[in-house]
Amino acid sequence: MYAPVEWSIRAAGCEDVDALALVASATFLDAYAGAIDGAALIEHCLHQHSADAYRALLDQGARAWLVSMEPGGAPIGYALACESDLEQARPGDWELKRIYLLSRFHGTGISAALLRAVIDGAQGRPRLLLGVKKDNHRALRFYRKHGFIEAGARTFQVGAQRFDDFVLARPLIPATSET
């Protein structure tokens, strides 16, 4: 086990797209190597997790948060949220598109702090939605622990492989009661 680390979370901008892309590719490869065809993984990372892809998302209004480790400020995780295009979305919903942390830092509390930053950044929105692979039991436990409930399903594709995701939702503002 690694020694405890000092880390910080900050809002990320276009100046951080290289760090976002690097962490995204590293964590995606770490999570799916052996489960997804290697060539498809590489292709996915080159397109979906490129610096240009992150720049475009930020230019379209997405918000990102970057986790850095000290000493040195190396990026170790991030989250990205934006207007939701999920079928289950309602007006004003926000979607947690990505929340990734290098696996050696799982279980340290960093993921919960990163999720809190996203929730705080979603002030005034009705719900936060996300998709999570149906067999990712660790992630499902994490999200349920943080108030997410099942809101539907979707299919996610990498290369020729299709994956089934749960769509989860977490209310962010109290529902108004009709009088």
Protein backbone atom coordinates (compact mmCIF):
# COMPACT_ATOMS: atom_id res chain seq x y z
CA MET A 1 0.00 0.00 0.00
CA TYR A 2 1.13 3.51 -0.73
CA ALA A 3 1.75 6.10 1.95
CA PRO A 4 -1.02 8.67 2.43
CA VAL A 5 -0.82 11.46 -0.12
CA GLU A 6 -1.58 15.13 -0.09
CA TRP A 7 -3.91 16.15 -2.87
CA SER A 8 -6.06 19.03 -3.97
CA ILE A 9 -9.03 19.56 -6.27
CA ARG A 10 -9.47 22.65 -8.40
CA ALA A 11 -11.61 23.78 -11.29
CA ALA A 12 -9.94 22.90 -14.58
CA GLY A 13 -9.98 25.00 -17.73
CA CYS A 14 -8.70 24.87 -21.28
CA GLU A 15 -5.14 25.23 -19.99
CA ASP A 16 -5.61 21.78 -18.38
CA VAL A 17 -6.80 19.79 -21.41
CA ASP A 18 -3.50 17.91 -21.74
CA ALA A 19 -3.70 16.78 -18.09
CA LEU A 20 -7.37 15.79 -18.47
CA ALA A 21 -6.58 13.78 -21.61
CA LEU A 22 -3.62 12.03 -20.00
CA VAL A 23 -5.52 11.02 -16.86
CA ALA A 24 -8.56 10.03 -18.92
CA SER A 25 -6.59 7.69 -21.15
CA ALA A 26 -4.56 6.23 -18.28
CA THR A 27 -7.63 5.47 -16.16
CA PHE A 28 -9.69 4.17 -19.09
CA LEU A 29 -6.88 1.80 -20.07
CA ASP A 30 -6.42 0.75 -16.45
CA ALA A 31 -10.14 0.01 -16.08
CA TYR A 32 -10.77 -1.77 -19.38
CA ALA A 33 -7.51 -3.45 -20.46
CA GLY A 34 -8.37 -7.11 -20.94
CA ALA A 35 -12.11 -6.41 -21.11
CA ILE A 36 -12.10 -4.45 -24.38
CA ASP A 37 -10.13 -5.13 -27.54
CA GLY A 38 -6.78 -3.32 -27.29
CA ALA A 39 -7.00 -1.62 -30.68
CA ALA A 40 -10.52 -0.39 -29.86
CA LEU A 41 -9.29 0.92 -26.50
CA ILE A 42 -6.51 2.87 -28.15
CA GLU A 43 -8.85 4.26 -30.81
CA HIS A 44 -11.39 5.25 -28.14
CA CYS A 45 -8.76 7.05 -26.05
CA LEU A 46 -7.26 8.83 -29.07
CA HIS A 47 -10.64 10.26 -30.02
CA GLN A 48 -12.84 10.44 -26.93
CA HIS A 49 -10.06 11.35 -24.50
CA SER A 50 -7.90 13.64 -26.60
CA ALA A 51 -6.95 17.16 -25.54
CA ASP A 52 -9.02 18.45 -28.48
CA ALA A 53 -12.07 16.50 -27.26
CA TYR A 54 -11.75 18.05 -23.80
CA ARG A 55 -11.20 21.52 -25.24
CA ALA A 56 -14.39 21.14 -27.30
CA LEU A 57 -16.39 19.99 -24.26
CA LEU A 58 -15.16 22.91 -22.16
CA ASP A 59 -15.85 25.33 -25.03
CA GLN A 60 -19.44 24.00 -25.11
CA GLY A 61 -19.99 24.78 -21.43
CA ALA A 62 -18.80 21.62 -19.67
CA ARG A 63 -17.07 22.06 -16.32
CA ALA A 64 -14.14 20.01 -15.11
CA TRP A 65 -12.31 19.48 -11.83
CA LEU A 66 -8.75 18.20 -11.64
CA VAL A 67 -7.17 16.32 -8.73
CA SER A 68 -3.45 16.88 -8.25
CA MET A 69 -1.03 15.09 -5.96
CA GLU A 70 1.72 16.76 -3.96
CA PRO A 71 4.55 17.19 -4.13
CA GLY A 72 4.79 18.23 -7.74
CA GLY A 73 1.16 18.69 -8.76
CA ALA A 74 0.88 15.54 -10.90
CA PRO A 75 -2.70 14.97 -12.11
CA ILE A 76 -4.26 11.80 -10.67
CA GLY A 77 -7.98 12.20 -11.34
CA TYR A 78 -10.71 14.41 -12.69
CA ALA A 79 -14.42 14.85 -13.19
CA LEU A 80 -16.32 16.43 -16.06
CA ALA A 81 -19.98 17.45 -16.07
CA CYS A 82 -22.23 19.13 -18.63
CA GLU A 83 -25.79 19.47 -19.84
CA SER A 84 -27.22 15.99 -20.12
CA ASP A 85 -28.09 14.42 -23.44
CA LEU A 86 -29.24 11.17 -21.86
CA GLU A 87 -32.68 9.90 -22.83
CA GLN A 88 -33.70 10.08 -19.16
CA ALA A 89 -32.74 13.76 -18.83
CA ARG A 90 -35.25 16.39 -17.85
CA PRO A 91 -34.84 20.12 -18.45
CA GLY A 92 -31.99 21.50 -16.36
CA ASP A 93 -30.42 18.12 -15.50
CA TRP A 94 -26.66 17.93 -15.47
CA GLU A 95 -24.67 14.85 -16.38
CA LEU A 96 -21.50 13.59 -14.76
CA LYS A 97 -19.87 12.49 -18.02
CA ARG A 98 -16.66 11.30 -16.43
CA ILE A 99 -15.16 10.81 -13.02
CA TYR A 100 -11.87 8.99 -13.11
CA LEU A 101 -9.15 8.44 -10.54
CA LEU A 102 -5.98 6.39 -10.91
CA SER A 103 -6.73 3.03 -9.29
CA ARG A 104 -3.97 3.25 -6.71
CA PHE A 105 -5.93 6.12 -5.11
CA HIS A 106 -9.26 4.28 -4.87
CA GLY A 107 -10.54 4.04 -1.31
CA THR A 108 -8.73 7.19 -0.14
CA GLY A 109 -11.73 9.53 -0.05
CA ILE A 110 -10.60 11.43 -3.13
CA SER A 111 -13.47 10.16 -5.28
CA ALA A 112 -16.03 11.32 -2.70
CA ALA A 113 -14.40 14.76 -2.56
CA LEU A 114 -14.37 14.95 -6.35
CA LEU A 115 -18.04 14.00 -6.51
CA ARG A 116 -18.79 16.66 -3.87
CA ALA A 117 -17.05 19.28 -6.05
CA VAL A 118 -19.29 18.30 -8.98
CA ILE A 119 -22.43 18.40 -6.82
CA ASP A 120 -21.44 21.81 -5.44
CA GLY A 121 -20.85 22.98 -9.02
CA ALA A 122 -24.35 21.85 -9.98
CA GLN A 123 -26.09 24.22 -7.56
CA GLY A 124 -29.59 25.09 -8.74
CA ARG A 125 -29.95 22.11 -11.07
CA PRO A 126 -32.69 19.55 -10.38
CA ARG A 127 -30.67 16.34 -10.81
CA LEU A 128 -27.26 14.94 -11.58
CA LEU A 129 -27.28 11.95 -13.96
CA LEU A 130 -24.57 9.49 -14.93
CA GLY A 131 -24.05 6.21 -16.71
CA VAL A 132 -22.18 3.33 -15.10
CA LYS A 133 -21.42 -0.11 -16.48
CA LYS A 134 -23.96 -2.59 -15.08
CA ASP A 135 -21.30 -4.96 -13.79
CA ASN A 136 -19.16 -2.25 -12.15
CA HIS A 137 -20.28 -3.20 -8.65
CA ARG A 138 -17.73 -1.04 -6.86
CA ALA A 139 -18.88 2.09 -8.70
CA LEU A 140 -22.54 1.20 -8.20
CA ARG A 141 -21.98 0.89 -4.42
CA PHE A 142 -20.16 4.24 -4.43
CA TYR A 143 -22.92 6.07 -6.28
CA ARG A 144 -25.72 4.51 -4.24
CA LYS A 145 -23.88 5.51 -1.07
CA HIS A 146 -23.95 9.09 -2.40
CA GLY A 147 -27.69 9.19 -3.08
CA PHE A 148 -27.95 8.01 -6.69
CA ILE A 149 -30.85 5.78 -7.72
CA GLU A 150 -31.54 3.90 -10.93
CA ALA A 151 -33.29 6.01 -13.58
CA GLY A 152 -32.96 3.79 -16.64
CA ALA A 153 -30.43 2.16 -18.92
CA ARG A 154 -28.35 2.89 -22.00
CA THR A 155 -25.89 1.17 -24.27
CA PHE A 156 -22.27 2.27 -24.49
CA GLN A 157 -20.03 1.24 -27.35
CA VAL A 158 -16.25 1.01 -27.68
CA GLY A 159 -15.17 -0.32 -31.05
CA ALA A 160 -17.46 -3.19 -31.97
CA GLN A 161 -18.27 -4.05 -28.34
CA ARG A 162 -21.49 -2.87 -26.75
CA PHE A 163 -21.88 -2.48 -23.01
CA ASP A 164 -24.96 -2.07 -20.88
CA ASP A 165 -24.99 0.83 -18.46
CA PHE A 166 -27.35 1.82 -15.71
CA VAL A 167 -28.34 5.46 -15.79
CA LEU A 168 -28.37 6.77 -12.24
CA ALA A 169 -29.85 10.02 -10.96
CA ARG A 170 -29.39 12.04 -7.78
CA PRO A 171 -31.78 14.84 -6.86
CA LEU A 172 -29.93 18.10 -6.23
CA ILE A 173 -32.65 20.55 -5.26
CA PRO A 174 -35.70 19.71 -3.21
CA ALA A 175 -38.85 19.08 -5.20
CA THR A 176 -41.44 21.78 -4.72
CA SER A 177 -44.75 20.69 -3.33
CA GLU A 178 -47.92 21.85 -5.02
CA THR A 179 -50.44 23.53 -2.78
